[in-house]
N, C-alpha and C. Protein backbone atom coordinates (compact mmCIF):
# COMPACT_ATOMS: atom_id res chain seq x y z
N MET A 1 34.15 9.43 -10.67
CA MET A 1 35.17 9.34 -10.59
C MET A 1 35.83 8.13 -9.79
N VAL A 2 36.24 6.88 -10.21
CA VAL A 2 36.72 5.72 -10.34
C VAL A 2 37.54 6.14 -8.85
N VAL A 3 38.63 5.78 -9.03
CA VAL A 3 40.28 6.17 -8.40
C VAL A 3 39.37 7.19 -6.73
N ALA A 4 38.50 7.60 -6.75
CA ALA A 4 38.07 8.54 -6.01
C ALA A 4 36.76 7.56 -4.93
N ARG A 5 36.62 6.85 -5.85
CA ARG A 5 35.04 5.70 -4.96
C ARG A 5 36.43 4.59 -4.72
N LEU A 6 37.11 3.97 -5.18
CA LEU A 6 38.37 2.96 -4.69
C LEU A 6 38.44 3.44 -3.13
N ALA A 7 39.56 5.03 -3.37
CA ALA A 7 39.98 5.30 -1.95
C ALA A 7 38.81 5.57 -1.03
N ARG A 8 38.29 6.19 -1.30
CA ARG A 8 37.24 5.94 -0.44
C ARG A 8 36.75 4.64 0.64
N ASP A 9 36.09 3.53 -0.43
CA ASP A 9 36.19 2.00 -0.40
C ASP A 9 37.31 1.95 0.78
N ALA A 10 38.82 2.04 0.16
CA ALA A 10 39.43 1.76 1.19
C ALA A 10 39.65 2.46 2.81
N LEU A 11 39.38 3.79 2.43
CA LEU A 11 40.03 4.19 3.53
C LEU A 11 38.44 4.37 4.62
N ALA A 12 37.60 3.91 4.40
CA ALA A 12 36.07 3.05 4.70
C ALA A 12 36.98 1.68 5.92
N ARG A 13 37.29 0.94 5.14
CA ARG A 13 37.70 -0.55 5.23
C ARG A 13 39.02 -0.64 6.40
N ALA A 14 40.09 0.39 6.61
CA ALA A 14 41.05 0.38 6.53
C ALA A 14 42.23 -0.35 5.56
N THR A 15 41.80 -0.66 4.60
CA THR A 15 43.25 -1.25 3.91
C THR A 15 44.38 -0.83 4.61
N LEU A 16 44.46 0.35 3.95
CA LEU A 16 45.52 0.09 3.85
C LEU A 16 45.95 2.05 4.27
N SER A 17 46.87 2.32 4.74
CA SER A 17 47.35 3.78 5.52
C SER A 17 47.70 4.48 4.37
N ILE A 18 46.79 5.99 4.90
CA ILE A 18 47.07 6.88 4.34
C ILE A 18 48.55 6.49 3.07
N SER A 19 49.51 6.83 3.57
CA SER A 19 50.54 6.57 2.98
C SER A 19 50.85 5.55 1.67
N GLU A 20 49.99 4.59 1.81
CA GLU A 20 49.62 3.12 0.91
C GLU A 20 49.02 3.61 0.18
N LEU A 21 47.81 4.12 1.01
CA LEU A 21 46.66 4.59 -0.62
C LEU A 21 47.18 5.15 -1.46
N ALA A 22 48.09 5.62 -1.27
CA ALA A 22 48.37 7.46 -2.20
C ALA A 22 49.71 6.43 -2.72
N ARG A 23 50.63 5.42 -1.92
CA ARG A 23 50.89 4.76 -3.86
C ARG A 23 50.27 4.25 -4.57
N ALA A 24 49.48 3.79 -4.32
CA ALA A 24 49.04 2.79 -4.73
C ALA A 24 48.40 2.83 -5.78
N THR A 25 47.71 4.50 -6.24
CA THR A 25 46.62 5.36 -6.79
C THR A 25 47.92 6.05 -7.37
N GLY A 26 48.29 6.03 -6.88
CA GLY A 26 50.43 6.81 -7.89
C GLY A 26 50.39 8.11 -7.92
N TYR A 27 49.71 8.33 -6.60
CA TYR A 27 50.24 9.89 -6.35
C TYR A 27 51.71 9.39 -5.53
N PRO A 28 52.37 10.95 -6.47
CA PRO A 28 54.77 10.33 -5.95
C PRO A 28 54.13 11.14 -3.80
N SER A 29 53.24 11.01 -3.37
CA SER A 29 53.48 12.06 -2.16
C SER A 29 51.75 11.61 -1.50
N GLU A 30 52.16 11.76 -0.10
CA GLU A 30 50.46 11.66 0.56
C GLU A 30 50.35 12.87 0.20
N SER A 31 51.18 14.49 0.58
CA SER A 31 50.52 15.40 0.27
C SER A 31 49.58 15.32 -0.92
N ALA A 32 50.15 15.67 -2.14
CA ALA A 32 48.98 15.59 -2.82
C ALA A 32 48.59 14.15 -3.07
N PHE A 33 48.36 13.03 -3.17
CA PHE A 33 46.77 12.54 -2.35
C PHE A 33 46.04 12.78 -1.70
N SER A 34 46.04 13.82 -0.53
CA SER A 34 45.61 14.61 1.02
C SER A 34 44.61 15.57 -0.54
N THR A 35 45.86 16.88 -1.35
CA THR A 35 45.22 17.83 -1.78
C THR A 35 43.97 17.21 -2.43
N ALA A 36 44.77 16.36 -3.91
CA ALA A 36 42.94 15.21 -4.61
C ALA A 36 42.11 15.22 -4.06
N PHE A 37 42.38 14.17 -3.19
CA PHE A 37 41.40 14.42 -2.50
C PHE A 37 40.52 14.67 -1.77
N ARG A 38 40.90 15.73 -1.49
CA ARG A 38 40.24 17.10 -0.36
C ARG A 38 39.01 17.68 -2.36
N ARG A 39 40.17 18.48 -3.07
CA ARG A 39 39.74 18.57 -4.26
C ARG A 39 38.27 17.49 -4.40
N VAL A 40 38.32 16.52 -4.31
CA VAL A 40 37.16 16.12 -5.27
C VAL A 40 36.49 15.22 -4.34
N VAL A 41 36.30 14.74 -2.60
CA VAL A 41 35.54 14.21 -1.27
C VAL A 41 34.95 15.82 -1.09
N GLY A 42 35.17 16.81 -0.76
CA GLY A 42 35.47 17.69 -0.10
C GLY A 42 36.19 17.55 1.35
N SER A 43 36.42 16.50 1.61
CA SER A 43 37.08 16.11 3.20
C SER A 43 38.52 15.92 3.10
N SER A 44 39.78 16.15 3.78
CA SER A 44 40.73 15.46 4.02
C SER A 44 40.66 13.85 3.80
N PRO A 45 41.51 12.86 3.90
CA PRO A 45 41.37 11.75 3.91
C PRO A 45 41.24 10.85 5.16
N ALA A 46 42.23 11.75 6.60
CA ALA A 46 42.16 11.26 7.60
C ALA A 46 40.77 11.77 7.35
N GLN A 47 40.00 13.05 7.67
CA GLN A 47 38.60 13.75 8.10
C GLN A 47 37.75 12.01 7.93
N PHE A 48 37.66 12.63 6.16
CA PHE A 48 36.89 11.12 6.30
C PHE A 48 37.39 10.17 6.39
N ARG A 49 37.98 8.91 6.84
CA ARG A 49 38.25 7.76 7.62
C ARG A 49 37.52 8.20 8.42
N LYS A 50 38.00 9.26 9.44
CA LYS A 50 37.30 9.31 11.19
C LYS A 50 35.64 8.59 10.71
N GLN A 51 35.73 9.93 9.83
CA GLN A 51 33.01 9.85 9.83
C GLN A 51 33.08 8.29 9.29
N ALA A 52 34.04 7.83 8.64
CA ALA A 52 33.78 6.67 7.96
C ALA A 52 33.59 5.27 9.50
N ARG A 53 33.86 6.06 9.49
CA ARG A 53 34.36 4.20 11.31
C ARG A 53 34.26 4.80 11.42
N GLN A 54 32.98 6.11 12.62
CA GLN A 54 32.16 6.29 13.52
C GLN A 54 31.22 5.24 12.91
N PRO A 55 30.88 5.14 14.42
CA PRO A 55 29.23 3.89 14.66
C PRO A 55 28.27 5.04 13.67
N PRO A 56 26.79 4.55 12.81
CA PRO A 56 25.44 5.04 12.48
C PRO A 56 24.92 5.50 13.65
N ARG A 57 23.51 6.60 13.79
CA ARG A 57 23.63 7.64 15.07
C ARG A 57 22.24 6.94 15.76
């Protein structure tokens, strides 16, 4: 899924806030985006962003 890949990349790079990313990907709200993201990725956008920013161990 291309949108999910783009969203994961944007969250990892922190280029947009979650609200901005939701609007940029065509979702009417952050809540709708978060629900769809969790369904596809398996974690919330905030959780994904936090894990993506952690340095490798």
